[in-house]
Amino acid sequence: MARVQTDEADWNEFQELARSKRRSIAAYLGHLVRKEIGRAERAADRSAKRGAATSGSEQVGDDEPWVPPWEI
């Protein structure tokens, strides 16, 4: 069981989305929870892979550490 904190307009729009997908509110919320858990796991995997790839002495120049392009 969960409580959802959002304004009434957003909640009404969410309910309409669930109905348009022919899902119950509970089933649609469960689907969103599973998607978020999967997204978080993929993000953690990417972070771990980045950490493994940048560990050690990968240096650019003398004292300048390597910075991934997505962090520039």
C-alpha atoms as a PDB file:
ATOM      1  CA  MET A   1       0.000   0.000   0.000  1.00  0.00           C
ATOM      2  CA  ALA A   2       1.216   3.506  -0.738  1.00  0.00           C
ATOM      3  CA  ARG A   3       0.086   7.064  -0.367  1.00  0.00           C
ATOM      4  CA  VAL A   4       0.610   9.398  -3.266  1.00  0.00           C
ATOM      5  CA  GLN A   5       1.268  13.051  -2.670  1.00  0.00           C
ATOM      6  CA  THR A   6       0.429  15.186  -5.681  1.00  0.00           C
ATOM      7  CA  ASP A   7      -1.993  17.905  -6.554  1.00  0.00           C
ATOM      8  CA  GLU A   8      -5.498  17.048  -7.672  1.00  0.00           C
ATOM      9  CA  ALA A   9      -4.986  18.048 -11.308  1.00  0.00           C
ATOM     10  CA  ASP A  10      -1.959  15.746 -11.663  1.00  0.00           C
ATOM     11  CA  TRP A  11      -3.786  12.885  -9.938  1.00  0.00           C
ATOM     12  CA  ASN A  12      -6.780  13.296 -12.251  1.00  0.00           C
ATOM     13  CA  GLU A  13      -4.488  13.294 -15.294  1.00  0.00           C
ATOM     14  CA  PHE A  14      -2.750  10.149 -14.017  1.00  0.00           C
ATOM     15  CA  GLN A  15      -6.103   8.423 -13.557  1.00  0.00           C
ATOM     16  CA  GLU A  16      -7.054   9.321 -17.137  1.00  0.00           C
ATOM     17  CA  LEU A  17      -3.747   7.900 -18.384  1.00  0.00           C
ATOM     18  CA  ALA A  18      -4.366   4.651 -16.512  1.00  0.00           C
ATOM     19  CA  ARG A  19      -7.875   4.403 -17.953  1.00  0.00           C
ATOM     20  CA  SER A  20      -6.603   5.123 -21.475  1.00  0.00           C
ATOM     21  CA  LYS A  21      -4.165   2.207 -21.062  1.00  0.00           C
ATOM     22  CA  ARG A  22      -7.046   0.056 -19.745  1.00  0.00           C
ATOM     23  CA  ARG A  23      -5.261  -0.554 -16.445  1.00  0.00           C
ATOM     24  CA  SER A  24      -6.426  -0.180 -12.895  1.00  0.00           C
ATOM     25  CA  ILE A  25      -4.775   2.581 -10.883  1.00  0.00           C
ATOM     26  CA  ALA A  26      -3.085  -0.070  -8.695  1.00  0.00           C
ATOM     27  CA  ALA A  27      -1.748  -2.006 -11.697  1.00  0.00           C
ATOM     28  CA  TYR A  28      -0.468   1.164 -13.353  1.00  0.00           C
ATOM     29  CA  LEU A  29       1.253   2.337 -10.148  1.00  0.00           C
ATOM     30  CA  GLY A  30       2.816  -1.119  -9.784  1.00  0.00           C
ATOM     31  CA  HIS A  31       4.084  -0.905 -13.364  1.00  0.00           C
ATOM     32  CA  LEU A  32       5.668   2.495 -12.659  1.00  0.00           C
ATOM     33  CA  VAL A  33       7.319   1.172  -9.498  1.00  0.00           C
ATOM     34  CA  ARG A  34       8.852  -1.766 -11.401  1.00  0.00           C
ATOM     35  CA  LYS A  35      10.100   0.574 -14.146  1.00  0.00           C
ATOM     36  CA  GLU A  36      11.704   2.899 -11.583  1.00  0.00           C
ATOM     37  CA  ILE A  37      13.436   0.003  -9.815  1.00  0.00           C
ATOM     38  CA  GLY A  38      14.810  -1.196 -13.149  1.00  0.00           C
ATOM     39  CA  ARG A  39      15.953   2.334 -14.027  1.00  0.00           C
ATOM     40  CA  ALA A  40      17.730   2.691 -10.686  1.00  0.00           C
ATOM     41  CA  GLU A  41      19.466  -0.679 -11.123  1.00  0.00           C
ATOM     42  CA  ARG A  42      20.663   0.271 -14.619  1.00  0.00           C
ATOM     43  CA  ALA A  43      21.954   3.615 -13.323  1.00  0.00           C
ATOM     44  CA  ALA A  44      23.855   1.854 -10.517  1.00  0.00           C
ATOM     45  CA  ASP A  45      25.369  -0.583 -13.037  1.00  0.00           C
ATOM     46  CA  ARG A  46      26.489   2.299 -15.267  1.00  0.00           C
ATOM     47  CA  SER A  47      27.978   4.104 -12.277  1.00  0.00           C
ATOM     48  CA  ALA A  48      29.867   0.987 -11.185  1.00  0.00           C
ATOM     49  CA  LYS A  49      31.208   0.449 -14.715  1.00  0.00           C
ATOM     50  CA  ARG A  50      32.341   4.098 -14.888  1.00  0.00           C
ATOM     51  CA  GLY A  51      34.052   3.735 -11.524  1.00  0.00           C
ATOM     52  CA  ALA A  52      35.861   0.594 -12.666  1.00  0.00           C
ATOM     53  CA  ALA A  53      36.886   2.236 -15.941  1.00  0.00           C
ATOM     54  CA  THR A  54      38.276   5.345 -14.234  1.00  0.00           C
ATOM     55  CA  SER A  55      40.005   3.659 -11.310  1.00  0.00           C
ATOM     56  CA  GLY A  56      43.746   3.353 -11.318  1.00  0.00           C
ATOM     57  CA  SER A  57      46.121   5.842 -12.797  1.00  0.00           C
ATOM     58  CA  GLU A  58      44.326   6.952 -15.942  1.00  0.00           C
ATOM     59  CA  GLN A  59      45.696  10.443 -16.200  1.00  0.00           C
ATOM     60  CA  VAL A  60      45.652  13.076 -18.910  1.00  0.00           C
ATOM     61  CA  GLY A  61      48.791  15.167 -18.863  1.00  0.00           C
ATOM     62  CA  ASP A  62      50.795  15.409 -15.664  1.00  0.00           C
ATOM     63  CA  ASP A  63      48.276  16.072 -12.879  1.00  0.00           C
ATOM     64  CA  GLU A  64      44.981  16.329 -14.723  1.00  0.00           C
ATOM     65  CA  PRO A  65      42.581  13.398 -14.077  1.00  0.00           C
ATOM     66  CA  TRP A  66      40.524  11.986 -16.899  1.00  0.00           C
ATOM     67  CA  VAL A  67      36.984  13.427 -16.973  1.00  0.00           C
ATOM     68  CA  PRO A  68      34.233  11.592 -18.883  1.00  0.00           C
ATOM     69  CA  PRO A  69      32.730  13.728 -21.674  1.00  0.00           C
ATOM     70  CA  TRP A  70      29.254  13.595 -20.076  1.00  0.00           C
ATOM     71  CA  GLU A  71      30.606  15.441 -17.027  1.00  0.00           C
ATOM     72  CA  ILE A  72      32.118  18.356 -18.980  1.00  0.00           C
END
